[in-house]
Amino acid sequence: MTASWAPQSSWGEGYVAEVEVTATGTVSRWQVSFEAPGTTEVSNAWGMSCALDGSTVTCRGADWAAALTPGQTVRVGLQAKATRAPSSPKLSVRAS
């Protein structure tokens, strides 16, 4: 599975970003984690559920984007409260 980061917008109190996830095989569950210093809360997410632990955001596929077929790509996203937006975070991807 692969994932890429696509910033959408940012302002003084937060940001919106999308993550494009592509399955290389059958995926029943997946998660993407990244470091986001300055992020204080994930206030909204679509296609995934997100949690914040320190400066690490971990998002798991949910609803319509939870299970993927080989070659399928989905675009999911989040809105977060933060003092600054991550510009190009390294994504850690896990799938099963």
N, C-alpha and C. Protein backbone atom coordinates (compact mmCIF):
# COMPACT_ATOMS: atom_id res chain seq x y z
N MET A 1 0.84 -1.17 0.00
CA MET A 1 0.00 0.00 0.00
C MET A 1 0.88 1.23 0.00
N THR A 2 0.44 2.25 -0.71
CA THR A 2 1.18 3.51 -0.74
C THR A 2 0.24 4.64 -0.34
N ALA A 3 0.83 5.73 0.14
CA ALA A 3 0.05 6.90 0.52
C ALA A 3 0.85 8.16 0.21
N SER A 4 0.12 9.22 -0.16
CA SER A 4 0.78 10.50 -0.41
C SER A 4 -0.02 11.62 0.24
N TRP A 5 0.68 12.68 0.61
CA TRP A 5 0.13 13.83 1.34
C TRP A 5 -0.18 14.96 0.37
N ALA A 6 -1.36 15.56 0.49
CA ALA A 6 -1.74 16.67 -0.39
C ALA A 6 -2.35 17.79 0.46
N PRO A 7 -1.55 18.81 0.83
CA PRO A 7 -2.09 19.91 1.61
C PRO A 7 -3.15 20.67 0.79
N GLN A 8 -4.24 21.05 1.43
CA GLN A 8 -5.32 21.76 0.74
C GLN A 8 -5.33 23.24 1.12
N SER A 9 -5.27 23.53 2.42
CA SER A 9 -5.24 24.92 2.88
C SER A 9 -4.73 24.97 4.31
N SER A 10 -4.24 26.13 4.70
CA SER A 10 -3.82 26.33 6.09
C SER A 10 -4.05 27.79 6.45
N TRP A 11 -4.23 28.03 7.73
CA TRP A 11 -4.45 29.37 8.27
C TRP A 11 -3.85 29.38 9.66
N GLY A 12 -3.92 30.47 10.36
CA GLY A 12 -3.25 30.62 11.65
C GLY A 12 -3.62 29.62 12.71
N GLU A 13 -4.83 29.04 12.62
CA GLU A 13 -5.29 28.11 13.66
C GLU A 13 -5.48 26.69 13.17
N GLY A 14 -5.08 26.38 11.93
CA GLY A 14 -5.29 25.00 11.49
C GLY A 14 -4.98 24.76 10.03
N TYR A 15 -5.36 23.57 9.58
CA TYR A 15 -5.11 23.19 8.20
C TYR A 15 -6.07 22.08 7.77
N VAL A 16 -6.17 21.92 6.46
CA VAL A 16 -6.91 20.83 5.84
C VAL A 16 -5.95 20.14 4.88
N ALA A 17 -5.94 18.81 4.93
CA ALA A 17 -5.07 18.04 4.03
C ALA A 17 -5.80 16.78 3.60
N GLU A 18 -5.42 16.30 2.43
CA GLU A 18 -5.94 15.03 1.95
C GLU A 18 -4.79 14.03 1.86
N VAL A 19 -5.14 12.77 1.98
CA VAL A 19 -4.18 11.68 1.83
C VAL A 19 -4.73 10.76 0.75
N GLU A 20 -3.91 10.49 -0.24
CA GLU A 20 -4.31 9.56 -1.29
C GLU A 20 -3.70 8.21 -0.97
N VAL A 21 -4.55 7.20 -0.85
CA VAL A 21 -4.13 5.86 -0.46
C VAL A 21 -4.41 4.92 -1.63
N THR A 22 -3.40 4.13 -2.01
CA THR A 22 -3.55 3.16 -3.09
C THR A 22 -3.17 1.78 -2.59
N ALA A 23 -4.06 0.83 -2.82
CA ALA A 23 -3.82 -0.56 -2.40
C ALA A 23 -3.00 -1.28 -3.47
N THR A 24 -1.96 -1.98 -3.04
CA THR A 24 -1.18 -2.79 -3.97
C THR A 24 -1.66 -4.24 -3.95
N GLY A 25 -2.50 -4.56 -2.98
CA GLY A 25 -3.11 -5.88 -2.85
C GLY A 25 -4.45 -5.69 -2.14
N THR A 26 -5.10 -6.77 -1.78
CA THR A 26 -6.35 -6.67 -1.05
C THR A 26 -6.06 -6.15 0.36
N VAL A 27 -6.78 -5.11 0.77
CA VAL A 27 -6.58 -4.49 2.07
C VAL A 27 -7.91 -4.51 2.83
N SER A 28 -7.91 -5.11 4.03
CA SER A 28 -9.13 -5.10 4.84
C SER A 28 -9.08 -3.98 5.88
N ARG A 29 -7.84 -3.61 6.28
CA ARG A 29 -7.65 -2.49 7.23
C ARG A 29 -6.35 -1.79 6.88
N TRP A 30 -6.33 -0.48 7.12
CA TRP A 30 -5.10 0.28 6.87
C TRP A 30 -5.00 1.44 7.86
N GLN A 31 -3.78 1.91 8.02
CA GLN A 31 -3.56 3.11 8.84
C GLN A 31 -2.37 3.89 8.30
N VAL A 32 -2.44 5.20 8.49
CA VAL A 32 -1.37 6.11 8.10
C VAL A 32 -1.05 6.97 9.32
N SER A 33 0.24 7.09 9.64
CA SER A 33 0.69 7.93 10.75
C SER A 33 1.69 8.94 10.24
N PHE A 34 1.73 10.11 10.89
CA PHE A 34 2.71 11.13 10.52
C PHE A 34 2.93 12.07 11.69
N GLU A 35 4.12 12.68 11.70
CA GLU A 35 4.45 13.67 12.72
C GLU A 35 3.87 15.01 12.31
N ALA A 36 3.20 15.67 13.25
CA ALA A 36 2.59 16.97 12.97
C ALA A 36 2.79 17.89 14.17
N PRO A 37 4.03 18.36 14.42
CA PRO A 37 4.29 19.27 15.53
C PRO A 37 3.41 20.51 15.41
N GLY A 38 2.83 20.92 16.53
CA GLY A 38 1.96 22.08 16.53
C GLY A 38 0.49 21.73 16.39
N THR A 39 0.19 20.47 16.03
CA THR A 39 -1.21 20.04 15.91
C THR A 39 -1.75 19.74 17.30
N THR A 40 -2.90 20.34 17.63
CA THR A 40 -3.48 20.15 18.95
C THR A 40 -4.76 19.32 18.94
N GLU A 41 -5.39 19.17 17.75
CA GLU A 41 -6.63 18.40 17.67
C GLU A 41 -6.95 18.11 16.21
N VAL A 42 -7.46 16.91 15.95
CA VAL A 42 -8.03 16.61 14.64
C VAL A 42 -9.53 16.81 14.81
N SER A 43 -10.06 17.86 14.22
CA SER A 43 -11.45 18.23 14.46
C SER A 43 -12.43 17.57 13.50
N ASN A 44 -11.95 17.07 12.37
CA ASN A 44 -12.84 16.45 11.40
C ASN A 44 -12.01 15.54 10.49
N ALA A 45 -12.62 14.46 10.03
CA ALA A 45 -11.94 13.57 9.08
C ALA A 45 -13.00 12.91 8.21
N TRP A 46 -12.63 12.59 6.97
CA TRP A 46 -13.54 11.88 6.08
C TRP A 46 -12.80 10.71 5.45
N GLY A 47 -13.46 9.55 5.47
CA GLY A 47 -12.87 8.33 4.96
C GLY A 47 -11.89 7.67 5.92
N MET A 48 -11.72 8.27 7.07
CA MET A 48 -10.82 7.71 8.08
C MET A 48 -11.17 8.31 9.44
N SER A 49 -10.71 7.64 10.50
CA SER A 49 -10.83 8.19 11.85
C SER A 49 -9.43 8.46 12.34
N CYS A 50 -9.23 9.61 12.97
CA CYS A 50 -7.88 10.03 13.36
C CYS A 50 -7.79 10.30 14.85
N ALA A 51 -6.61 10.03 15.39
CA ALA A 51 -6.32 10.31 16.79
C ALA A 51 -4.95 10.97 16.87
N LEU A 52 -4.80 11.79 17.90
CA LEU A 52 -3.54 12.51 18.12
C LEU A 52 -2.91 12.00 19.41
N ASP A 53 -1.62 11.62 19.32
CA ASP A 53 -0.86 11.18 20.49
C ASP A 53 0.44 11.96 20.49
N GLY A 54 0.52 13.00 21.34
CA GLY A 54 1.67 13.89 21.32
C GLY A 54 1.64 14.67 20.03
N SER A 55 2.68 14.51 19.21
CA SER A 55 2.70 15.20 17.91
C SER A 55 2.47 14.23 16.76
N THR A 56 2.08 13.00 17.07
CA THR A 56 1.84 12.00 16.04
C THR A 56 0.34 11.86 15.77
N VAL A 57 -0.03 12.00 14.50
CA VAL A 57 -1.42 11.78 14.07
C VAL A 57 -1.48 10.39 13.44
N THR A 58 -2.42 9.57 13.91
CA THR A 58 -2.63 8.24 13.34
C THR A 58 -4.07 8.16 12.85
N CYS A 59 -4.23 7.81 11.58
CA CYS A 59 -5.56 7.72 10.97
C CYS A 59 -5.76 6.32 10.43
N ARG A 60 -6.96 5.80 10.65
CA ARG A 60 -7.33 4.46 10.17
C ARG A 60 -8.47 4.58 9.18
N GLY A 61 -8.42 3.80 8.11
CA GLY A 61 -9.48 3.80 7.12
C GLY A 61 -10.83 3.49 7.78
N ALA A 62 -11.86 4.20 7.37
CA ALA A 62 -13.20 4.01 7.95
C ALA A 62 -14.26 4.13 6.86
N ASP A 63 -15.43 3.61 7.17
CA ASP A 63 -16.60 3.73 6.30
C ASP A 63 -16.27 3.27 4.89
N TRP A 64 -16.53 4.09 3.90
CA TRP A 64 -16.36 3.76 2.48
C TRP A 64 -14.91 3.54 2.09
N ALA A 65 -13.94 3.96 2.91
CA ALA A 65 -12.52 3.84 2.57
C ALA A 65 -11.79 2.80 3.42
N ALA A 66 -12.52 1.99 4.17
CA ALA A 66 -11.88 1.04 5.09
C ALA A 66 -11.21 -0.12 4.36
N ALA A 67 -11.93 -0.78 3.47
CA ALA A 67 -11.40 -1.93 2.74
C ALA A 67 -11.16 -1.53 1.30
N LEU A 68 -10.03 -1.99 0.74
CA LEU A 68 -9.66 -1.62 -0.62
C LEU A 68 -9.34 -2.87 -1.45
N THR A 69 -9.65 -2.80 -2.73
CA THR A 69 -9.30 -3.88 -3.63
C THR A 69 -7.96 -3.56 -4.29
N PRO A 70 -7.27 -4.56 -4.85
CA PRO A 70 -5.98 -4.30 -5.47
C PRO A 70 -6.07 -3.21 -6.54
N GLY A 71 -5.19 -2.23 -6.46
CA GLY A 71 -5.16 -1.13 -7.42
C GLY A 71 -6.11 0.01 -7.12
N GLN A 72 -7.00 -0.17 -6.14
CA GLN A 72 -7.96 0.89 -5.81
C GLN A 72 -7.27 2.06 -5.10
N THR A 73 -7.65 3.27 -5.47
CA THR A 73 -7.15 4.49 -4.85
C THR A 73 -8.32 5.27 -4.25
N VAL A 74 -8.14 5.73 -3.02
CA VAL A 74 -9.14 6.59 -2.38
C VAL A 74 -8.45 7.86 -1.91
N ARG A 75 -9.22 8.93 -1.87
CA ARG A 75 -8.72 10.21 -1.35
C ARG A 75 -9.51 10.51 -0.10
N VAL A 76 -8.82 10.53 1.03
CA VAL A 76 -9.43 10.79 2.32
C VAL A 76 -8.81 12.07 2.88
N GLY A 77 -9.32 12.58 3.98
CA GLY A 77 -8.74 13.82 4.47
C GLY A 77 -9.06 14.13 5.91
N LEU A 78 -8.47 15.23 6.36
CA LEU A 78 -8.67 15.67 7.73
C LEU A 78 -8.56 17.18 7.84
N GLN A 79 -9.21 17.68 8.88
CA GLN A 79 -9.09 19.09 9.26
C GLN A 79 -8.56 19.08 10.69
N ALA A 80 -7.53 19.89 10.94
CA ALA A 80 -6.90 19.89 12.25
C ALA A 80 -6.70 21.30 12.77
N LYS A 81 -6.72 21.40 14.10
CA LYS A 81 -6.35 22.65 14.76
C LYS A 81 -4.84 22.58 15.00
N ALA A 82 -4.14 23.65 14.62
CA ALA A 82 -2.68 23.61 14.73
C ALA A 82 -2.10 25.01 14.62
N THR A 83 -0.91 25.18 15.17
CA THR A 83 -0.20 26.45 15.03
C THR A 83 0.49 26.53 13.68
N ARG A 84 0.74 25.34 13.06
CA ARG A 84 1.31 25.31 11.72
C ARG A 84 0.96 23.97 11.08
N ALA A 85 0.89 23.97 9.77
CA ALA A 85 0.56 22.75 9.03
C ALA A 85 1.83 22.02 8.62
N PRO A 86 1.82 20.69 8.68
CA PRO A 86 2.97 19.96 8.15
C PRO A 86 3.02 20.15 6.64
N SER A 87 4.17 20.46 6.09
CA SER A 87 4.24 20.75 4.65
C SER A 87 4.39 19.47 3.83
N SER A 88 5.20 18.56 4.28
CA SER A 88 5.42 17.32 3.54
C SER A 88 5.86 16.23 4.52
N PRO A 89 4.96 15.80 5.40
CA PRO A 89 5.36 14.83 6.43
C PRO A 89 5.66 13.46 5.83
N LYS A 90 6.55 12.73 6.49
CA LYS A 90 6.84 11.35 6.09
C LYS A 90 5.69 10.49 6.61
N LEU A 91 5.02 9.79 5.71
CA LEU A 91 3.88 8.95 6.07
C LEU A 91 4.35 7.53 6.37
N SER A 92 3.90 7.02 7.51
CA SER A 92 4.15 5.63 7.87
C SER A 92 2.85 4.87 7.58
N VAL A 93 2.92 3.86 6.72
CA VAL A 93 1.72 3.17 6.24
C VAL A 93 1.73 1.71 6.69
N ARG A 94 0.57 1.25 7.17
CA ARG A 94 0.41 -0.17 7.53
C ARG A 94 -0.91 -0.66 6.95
N ALA A 95 -0.89 -1.88 6.46
CA ALA A 95 -2.11 -2.46 5.90
C ALA A 95 -2.16 -3.94 6.23
N SER A 96 -3.37 -4.46 6.31
CA SER A 96 -3.54 -5.90 6.51
C SER A 96 -4.79 -6.36 5.79
